[in-house]
Amino acid sequence: MEVISLTNPSFEGNPRRGVDIFYLEGWRDCGAIFFGNETPPDVHPHNMAWQNSAPPFDGNTYLGMVVRDNDSWESVTQRLSSPLQANQCYSFSIALMRSNRYVSPTRLNENRIENYQEPAVLRMWGGSGFCNQRELLAESVPISNGEWITFEFEFRPTQNHRYFTIEAFYKTPILFPYNGHILVDNASNIMRIACPGEEIAVVEEEPEPVKEKVVPPHKRRKKPEVKAEPPVVANVESQEKPEPKIMMDLDRKKIKKGQTLTIKNLYFGADKSDITSRSYAVLNEIFLFLANNDDIVIEIGGHTNGLCEQEFCDELSTDRAKKVAQYLNSRGIEASRLQFKGYGKRKQIASNNTALGRQKNQRVEIKILELES
């Protein structure tokens, strides 16, 4: 299985405040490119700076990255050992947390010290050069946990990328920039994994050769004659056929603005918002449709049956719609093209007196909000 390695994935270096010259083996600062005179990320822990006392998750140091109230944020980048390939699937993990204390001067008033304590998200980009953000590969939830947690990500690039960038960013949607931070440690290698419906051959180590035992000529036996087996002819009709399309109506020639489509073959745990692996096939269909039609904006609407309390129905339907939006966003669809809303049990389309009716009511839909004619 292919492994793409990172240089210095545990962010080992000399603890120091971000200064004009950033040095951390394997990583380059992107803030100076994006925002001119902004300082680079900080290397932790440090006994005096920031008042942050969180210990490392791995090794001796880790990285602290901030988002600022002047609409600037921090990011670092590096060249991968081998490129990410388009339409291949990968897994990646990294340890993240937020400290209760992360003090620094605020950019809107350099004379005032502020605690950069608001949660931020971590975004991962693929690109063609240092700090190039050609494709958003994945994005975390807002990080508010006060201890290290390893977050797992899976992504499927639509283009080849030789460079990898991680950045702190505001939780979205956002009306005003704010002061916040995220602590980062112990990144994994990027592993090639099987995409839905695909199998990856695992390369096994070749076994040690077996030394042949030398038999004296007078003890050798004549080998019995072995008749050759007839060749096996493949049955063409029995060979695997491509998977049929799940959402036949998800076709640009068929849809129109304002139209609503129910997502088929989308599965969640009972009374939960966790998407199961059986759902990836249809979600990837939706992703490819949106990726090939970049003028389309959709709303993802969650619905429940009528057997739950109103508050729980609203919460569950919203969380399920949000999880679908987050999955599509993690694959590279811009957040501005993805709206989500939970309707709870307000829009029933069948009777809740039967199991089939309740199943029809408990659904997630796509509504076409914008579509260029």
Protein backbone atom coordinates (compact mmCIF):
# COMPACT_ATOMS: atom_id res chain seq x y z
CA MET A 1 0.00 0.00 0.00
CA GLU A 2 1.39 3.41 -1.03
CA VAL A 3 2.69 5.66 1.75
CA ILE A 4 3.39 9.38 1.23
CA SER A 5 5.65 10.53 4.02
CA LEU A 6 5.92 13.97 5.62
CA THR A 7 9.15 15.51 6.84
CA ASN A 8 9.08 16.31 10.59
CA PRO A 9 5.41 15.33 11.09
CA SER A 10 5.73 15.90 14.86
CA PHE A 11 6.85 19.54 14.42
CA GLU A 12 10.08 19.14 16.35
CA GLY A 13 12.16 22.31 16.76
CA ASN A 14 13.27 25.01 19.17
CA PRO A 15 10.40 26.47 21.24
CA ARG A 16 10.03 30.10 20.24
CA ARG A 17 7.55 32.81 19.39
CA GLY A 18 6.82 33.33 15.72
CA VAL A 19 9.40 35.80 14.40
CA ASP A 20 10.16 37.23 10.99
CA ILE A 21 12.26 34.18 10.01
CA PHE A 22 10.46 30.87 10.42
CA TYR A 23 12.48 27.68 10.67
CA LEU A 24 11.03 24.28 11.41
CA GLU A 25 12.60 21.38 9.54
CA GLY A 26 10.43 20.27 6.64
CA TRP A 27 7.93 23.12 6.91
CA ARG A 28 7.70 26.60 5.37
CA ASP A 29 5.58 29.53 6.55
CA CYS A 30 2.78 30.76 4.27
CA GLY A 31 1.61 33.77 6.28
CA ALA A 32 4.26 36.10 4.90
CA ILE A 33 3.14 35.20 1.37
CA PHE A 34 -0.55 35.68 2.06
CA PHE A 35 -0.49 38.63 4.46
CA GLY A 36 2.86 40.42 4.08
CA ASN A 37 4.22 41.43 7.48
CA GLU A 38 2.34 38.96 9.70
CA THR A 39 4.44 36.74 11.98
CA PRO A 40 4.68 32.96 11.38
CA PRO A 41 3.32 30.20 13.68
CA ASP A 42 4.76 29.57 17.16
CA VAL A 43 6.66 26.49 18.34
CA HIS A 44 5.49 25.24 21.76
CA PRO A 45 5.80 24.64 24.66
CA HIS A 46 7.47 27.73 26.07
CA ASN A 47 7.68 28.59 29.75
CA MET A 48 6.88 32.26 29.35
CA ALA A 49 5.20 32.96 26.04
CA TRP A 50 1.43 32.64 25.47
CA GLN A 51 0.77 31.26 29.03
CA ASN A 52 0.06 27.93 27.36
CA SER A 53 1.21 24.96 29.45
CA ALA A 54 -0.14 22.05 27.38
CA PRO A 55 2.43 19.22 27.09
CA PRO A 56 3.31 17.78 23.66
CA PHE A 57 1.30 14.86 22.33
CA ASP A 58 4.45 13.41 20.75
CA GLY A 59 8.13 14.32 20.95
CA ASN A 60 9.27 17.58 22.52
CA THR A 61 7.46 20.34 20.63
CA TYR A 62 4.33 21.10 18.64
CA LEU A 63 2.93 23.90 16.52
CA GLY A 64 0.52 26.65 17.55
CA MET A 65 -1.37 28.47 14.79
CA VAL A 66 -3.73 31.42 15.21
CA VAL A 67 -6.52 33.23 13.41
CA ARG A 68 -6.64 36.98 13.97
CA ASP A 69 -9.18 39.76 14.23
CA ASN A 70 -7.60 41.57 11.25
CA ASP A 71 -8.73 38.80 8.85
CA SER A 72 -5.38 36.99 8.70
CA TRP A 73 -4.43 33.46 9.75
CA GLU A 74 -1.44 31.12 9.87
CA SER A 75 -0.45 28.14 7.74
CA VAL A 76 2.59 26.01 6.88
CA THR A 77 3.45 23.90 3.85
CA GLN A 78 5.86 21.27 2.54
CA ARG A 79 6.68 19.19 -0.53
CA LEU A 80 5.45 15.60 -0.37
CA SER A 81 7.70 12.60 -0.89
CA SER A 82 5.47 11.60 -3.81
CA PRO A 83 2.39 13.29 -5.29
CA LEU A 84 -1.22 12.79 -4.38
CA GLN A 85 -2.91 11.25 -7.40
CA ALA A 86 -6.23 12.45 -8.78
CA ASN A 87 -9.24 10.22 -8.05
CA GLN A 88 -7.27 8.11 -5.53
CA CYS A 89 -8.38 7.88 -1.91
CA TYR A 90 -6.15 8.68 1.08
CA SER A 91 -6.27 8.72 4.87
CA PHE A 92 -4.48 11.16 7.18
CA SER A 93 -4.54 11.79 10.92
CA ILE A 94 -3.26 14.54 13.19
CA ALA A 95 -3.52 15.40 16.90
CA LEU A 96 -5.37 18.66 17.67
CA MET A 97 -6.40 20.59 20.77
CA ARG A 98 -7.13 24.09 22.13
CA SER A 99 -5.49 25.59 25.20
CA ASN A 100 -7.41 27.67 27.73
CA ARG A 101 -4.64 30.28 27.56
CA TYR A 102 -3.01 31.67 24.42
CA VAL A 103 -2.25 35.32 25.07
CA SER A 104 -0.87 37.69 22.47
CA PRO A 105 -1.34 41.31 21.36
CA THR A 106 -4.49 41.86 19.32
CA ARG A 107 -3.90 43.18 15.81
CA LEU A 108 -6.63 45.80 16.06
CA ASN A 109 -4.94 47.30 19.14
CA GLU A 110 -1.24 46.37 19.52
CA ASN A 111 -1.23 47.81 23.05
CA ARG A 112 -3.84 45.34 24.28
CA ILE A 113 -3.11 41.74 25.23
CA GLU A 114 -5.90 39.31 24.44
CA ASN A 115 -6.52 35.62 24.98
CA TYR A 116 -6.80 33.97 21.55
CA GLN A 117 -9.19 31.37 22.91
CA GLU A 118 -11.91 31.05 20.24
CA PRO A 119 -12.03 27.63 18.52
CA ALA A 120 -10.54 27.38 15.03
CA VAL A 121 -10.61 24.66 12.39
CA LEU A 122 -7.72 22.96 10.61
CA ARG A 123 -7.85 22.94 6.81
CA MET A 124 -5.70 20.73 4.56
CA TRP A 125 -4.86 21.79 1.00
CA GLY A 126 -3.18 20.20 -1.99
CA GLY A 127 -1.25 22.33 -4.45
CA SER A 128 1.35 22.62 -7.18
CA GLY A 129 3.88 24.65 -5.19
CA PHE A 130 4.75 25.90 -1.71
CA CYS A 131 1.65 27.51 -0.14
CA ASN A 132 -0.38 26.91 -3.31
CA GLN A 133 -3.99 26.17 -2.35
CA ARG A 134 -5.36 24.56 -5.46
CA GLU A 135 -7.77 22.12 -3.80
CA LEU A 136 -9.24 21.88 -0.30
CA LEU A 137 -8.76 18.26 0.74
CA ALA A 138 -10.33 18.19 4.21
CA GLU A 139 -11.43 20.38 7.12
CA SER A 140 -11.83 19.60 10.80
CA VAL A 141 -14.67 20.57 13.06
CA PRO A 142 -14.03 23.63 15.29
CA ILE A 143 -11.43 22.44 17.82
CA SER A 144 -12.58 23.16 21.37
CA ASN A 145 -11.26 20.05 23.18
CA GLY A 146 -8.87 20.89 26.02
CA GLU A 147 -6.77 17.76 25.59
CA TRP A 148 -5.13 16.10 22.62
CA ILE A 149 -7.42 14.13 20.30
CA THR A 150 -6.28 12.41 17.11
CA PHE A 151 -8.59 13.32 14.24
CA GLU A 152 -8.90 11.04 11.21
CA PHE A 153 -9.51 12.38 7.70
CA GLU A 154 -10.15 10.77 4.33
CA PHE A 155 -9.99 12.64 1.03
CA ARG A 156 -10.04 12.00 -2.71
CA PRO A 157 -8.25 14.70 -4.75
CA THR A 158 -9.65 15.64 -8.15
CA GLN A 159 -6.19 16.76 -9.32
CA ASN A 160 -2.58 15.68 -8.80
CA HIS A 161 -0.80 17.55 -5.95
CA ARG A 162 2.88 17.55 -4.96
CA TYR A 163 2.55 20.01 -2.05
CA PHE A 164 0.58 19.81 1.19
CA THR A 165 -0.51 22.80 3.30
CA ILE A 166 -2.20 22.90 6.70
CA GLU A 167 -3.76 26.09 8.02
CA ALA A 168 -5.76 27.42 10.93
CA PHE A 169 -9.01 28.99 9.82
CA TYR A 170 -12.17 30.48 11.30
CA LYS A 171 -15.16 28.28 12.04
CA THR A 172 -17.58 28.80 9.18
CA PRO A 173 -19.89 30.41 8.36
CA ILE A 174 -18.42 33.53 9.97
CA LEU A 175 -19.59 37.12 9.99
CA PHE A 176 -16.57 38.74 11.64
CA PRO A 177 -12.96 37.58 12.06
CA TYR A 178 -11.88 36.82 15.62
CA ASN A 179 -8.83 35.86 17.70
CA GLY A 180 -8.49 32.10 18.09
CA HIS A 181 -5.94 29.30 17.88
CA ILE A 182 -5.34 25.61 17.30
CA LEU A 183 -2.50 23.37 18.56
CA VAL A 184 -1.13 20.77 16.13
CA ASP A 185 1.07 17.69 16.72
CA ASN A 186 1.88 14.18 15.52
CA ALA A 187 0.75 14.22 11.89
CA SER A 188 0.67 10.82 10.22
CA ASN A 189 1.92 9.72 6.85
CA ILE A 190 -0.64 10.03 4.07
CA MET A 191 -1.82 6.51 3.27
CA ARG A 192 -3.38 5.33 0.04
CA ILE A 193 -6.64 3.54 0.87
CA ALA A 194 -9.32 1.78 -1.12
CA CYS A 195 -12.00 4.02 -2.57
CA PRO A 196 -15.61 2.81 -2.27
CA GLY A 197 -16.00 -0.34 -4.37
CA GLU A 198 -12.24 -0.70 -4.90
CA GLU A 199 -9.71 -3.16 -3.59
CA ILE A 200 -6.01 -2.38 -3.10
CA ALA A 201 -3.45 -5.12 -3.35
CA VAL A 202 -1.22 -5.31 -0.29
CA VAL A 203 2.42 -5.84 -1.21
CA GLU A 204 3.78 -8.57 1.02
CA GLU A 205 7.43 -9.07 1.81
CA GLU A 206 9.06 -11.67 -0.37
CA PRO A 207 9.88 -14.78 1.70
CA GLU A 208 13.44 -15.95 2.18
CA PRO A 209 14.47 -18.40 -0.58
CA VAL A 210 14.43 -22.03 0.51
CA LYS A 211 17.77 -23.72 0.06
CA GLU A 212 17.42 -26.79 -2.12
CA LYS A 213 18.65 -29.99 -0.55
CA VAL A 214 21.25 -31.74 -2.70
CA VAL A 215 20.38 -35.42 -3.31
CA PRO A 216 23.06 -37.80 -4.58
CA PRO A 217 22.39 -39.10 -8.11
CA HIS A 218 21.93 -42.73 -7.00
CA LYS A 219 19.11 -41.73 -4.60
CA ARG A 220 17.18 -39.53 -7.02
CA ARG A 221 13.76 -40.75 -8.11
CA LYS A 222 12.23 -40.27 -11.50
CA LYS A 223 9.52 -37.61 -11.39
CA PRO A 224 6.07 -38.82 -12.41
CA GLU A 225 4.71 -37.47 -15.66
CA VAL A 226 2.14 -34.69 -15.07
CA LYS A 227 -0.51 -34.08 -17.68
CA ALA A 228 -1.12 -30.47 -18.49
CA GLU A 229 -4.47 -29.10 -17.45
CA PRO A 230 -6.61 -27.63 -20.25
CA PRO A 231 -6.53 -23.83 -20.37
CA VAL A 232 -9.30 -22.04 -18.49
CA VAL A 233 -11.44 -19.84 -20.70
CA ALA A 234 -12.88 -16.80 -18.94
CA ASN A 235 -16.62 -16.43 -18.97
CA VAL A 236 -17.10 -12.93 -20.36
CA GLU A 237 -20.69 -12.68 -19.13
CA SER A 238 -19.66 -13.46 -15.55
CA GLN A 239 -17.11 -10.65 -15.33
CA GLU A 240 -17.94 -7.80 -12.97
CA LYS A 241 -20.02 -5.02 -14.49
CA PRO A 242 -19.79 -1.35 -13.50
CA GLU A 243 -22.02 -0.30 -10.63
CA PRO A 244 -25.31 1.27 -11.82
CA LYS A 245 -25.93 4.91 -11.02
CA ILE A 246 -27.89 5.40 -7.80
CA MET A 247 -29.52 8.80 -8.39
CA MET A 248 -30.66 8.70 -12.00
CA ASP A 249 -32.37 12.12 -11.72
CA LEU A 250 -29.10 13.81 -10.69
CA ASP A 251 -28.52 14.92 -14.26
CA ARG A 252 -28.00 18.48 -15.45
CA LYS A 253 -30.34 17.90 -18.38
CA LYS A 254 -33.13 16.83 -16.03
CA ILE A 255 -32.88 19.21 -13.06
CA LYS A 256 -34.08 22.80 -12.70
CA LYS A 257 -33.79 25.56 -10.13
CA GLY A 258 -35.95 24.92 -7.06
CA GLN A 259 -36.16 21.17 -7.66
CA THR A 260 -35.79 18.80 -4.70
CA LEU A 261 -34.21 15.33 -4.94
CA THR A 262 -34.15 12.71 -2.19
CA ILE A 263 -30.71 11.20 -1.58
CA LYS A 264 -31.03 7.45 -2.04
CA ASN A 265 -28.96 4.81 -0.25
CA LEU A 266 -27.92 7.22 2.50
CA TYR A 267 -27.57 5.45 5.85
CA PHE A 268 -27.19 6.64 9.45
CA GLY A 269 -27.15 4.86 12.77
CA ALA A 270 -30.48 4.75 14.60
CA ASP A 271 -31.15 8.21 16.11
CA LYS A 272 -27.60 9.23 15.16
CA SER A 273 -25.97 11.51 12.59
CA ASP A 274 -22.92 9.34 11.86
CA ILE A 275 -22.81 8.44 8.17
CA THR A 276 -22.08 4.76 7.57
CA SER A 277 -19.63 3.51 4.95
CA ARG A 278 -22.52 2.15 2.83
CA SER A 279 -23.39 5.78 2.04
CA TYR A 280 -20.13 6.71 0.32
CA ALA A 281 -21.27 5.49 -3.10
CA VAL A 282 -24.14 7.94 -3.37
CA LEU A 283 -22.23 10.76 -1.67
CA ASN A 284 -19.43 10.38 -4.20
CA GLU A 285 -22.00 10.54 -7.00
CA ILE A 286 -23.20 13.86 -5.60
CA PHE A 287 -19.63 15.10 -5.21
CA LEU A 288 -18.75 14.29 -8.84
CA PHE A 289 -21.95 15.97 -10.03
CA LEU A 290 -21.14 19.17 -8.12
CA ALA A 291 -17.47 19.08 -9.11
CA ASN A 292 -18.48 18.92 -12.79
CA ASN A 293 -21.13 21.65 -12.43
CA ASP A 294 -19.49 24.45 -10.48
CA ASP A 295 -22.38 26.90 -11.06
CA ILE A 296 -24.79 24.84 -8.96
CA VAL A 297 -25.54 25.75 -5.34
CA ILE A 298 -27.57 23.33 -3.22
CA GLU A 299 -29.34 23.14 0.10
CA ILE A 300 -29.10 19.86 1.98
CA GLY A 301 -32.26 19.38 3.98
CA GLY A 302 -32.68 16.86 6.78
CA HIS A 303 -36.05 15.39 7.76
CA THR A 304 -37.21 12.93 10.44
CA ASN A 305 -40.34 10.87 10.95
CA GLY A 306 -42.99 12.10 13.35
CA LEU A 307 -42.27 9.84 16.31
CA CYS A 308 -39.69 12.02 18.08
CA GLU A 309 -39.97 15.17 20.18
CA GLN A 310 -39.78 18.41 18.20
CA GLU A 311 -36.47 19.55 19.70
CA PHE A 312 -34.78 16.18 19.10
CA CYS A 313 -36.20 15.99 15.55
CA ASP A 314 -34.81 19.43 14.74
CA GLU A 315 -31.41 18.63 16.18
CA LEU A 316 -31.11 15.22 14.50
CA SER A 317 -32.24 16.43 11.08
CA THR A 318 -29.86 19.40 11.23
CA ASP A 319 -26.90 17.24 12.28
CA ARG A 320 -27.55 14.74 9.48
CA ALA A 321 -27.79 17.47 6.83
CA LYS A 322 -24.63 19.06 8.23
CA LYS A 323 -22.70 15.78 8.07
CA VAL A 324 -23.55 15.42 4.38
CA ALA A 325 -22.43 19.00 3.72
CA GLN A 326 -19.19 18.44 5.66
CA TYR A 327 -18.42 15.30 3.66
CA LEU A 328 -18.89 17.10 0.34
CA ASN A 329 -16.84 20.05 1.59
CA SER A 330 -14.05 17.71 2.73
CA ARG A 331 -13.89 16.34 -0.83
CA GLY A 332 -13.36 19.85 -2.22
CA ILE A 333 -16.79 21.40 -2.85
CA GLU A 334 -16.70 25.03 -1.68
CA ALA A 335 -18.67 25.74 1.49
CA SER A 336 -20.35 28.68 -0.28
CA ARG A 337 -22.09 26.15 -2.56
CA LEU A 338 -23.39 24.03 0.31
CA GLN A 339 -26.21 25.15 2.59
CA PHE A 340 -27.82 22.83 5.13
CA LYS A 341 -30.97 22.96 7.18
CA GLY A 342 -32.89 20.65 9.50
CA TYR A 343 -36.66 20.61 9.02
CA GLY A 344 -37.37 18.10 11.78
CA LYS A 345 -40.83 16.56 11.33
CA ARG A 346 -42.46 19.62 9.75
CA LYS A 347 -42.55 18.30 6.16
CA GLN A 348 -44.01 14.79 6.30
CA ILE A 349 -44.62 13.12 2.93
CA ALA A 350 -46.24 9.90 4.20
CA SER A 351 -48.15 8.49 7.16
CA ASN A 352 -46.20 7.73 10.32
CA ASN A 353 -48.59 4.88 11.09
CA THR A 354 -46.60 2.41 8.97
CA ALA A 355 -42.92 1.48 8.88
CA LEU A 356 -42.76 2.30 5.15
CA GLY A 357 -44.28 5.71 5.75
CA ARG A 358 -41.87 6.53 8.56
CA GLN A 359 -38.98 5.43 6.33
CA LYS A 360 -40.11 7.82 3.59
CA ASN A 361 -40.39 10.71 6.06
CA GLN A 362 -36.92 10.13 7.49
CA ARG A 363 -34.84 11.38 4.59
CA VAL A 364 -32.17 13.84 3.41
CA GLU A 365 -32.86 15.90 0.30
CA ILE A 366 -30.97 18.12 -2.12
CA LYS A 367 -32.65 21.33 -3.27
CA ILE A 368 -31.21 23.17 -6.29
CA LEU A 369 -30.83 26.79 -5.17
CA GLU A 370 -28.79 28.18 -8.07
CA LEU A 371 -28.33 26.89 -11.58
CA GLU A 372 -27.16 28.85 -14.60
CA SER A 373 -29.41 28.22 -17.57
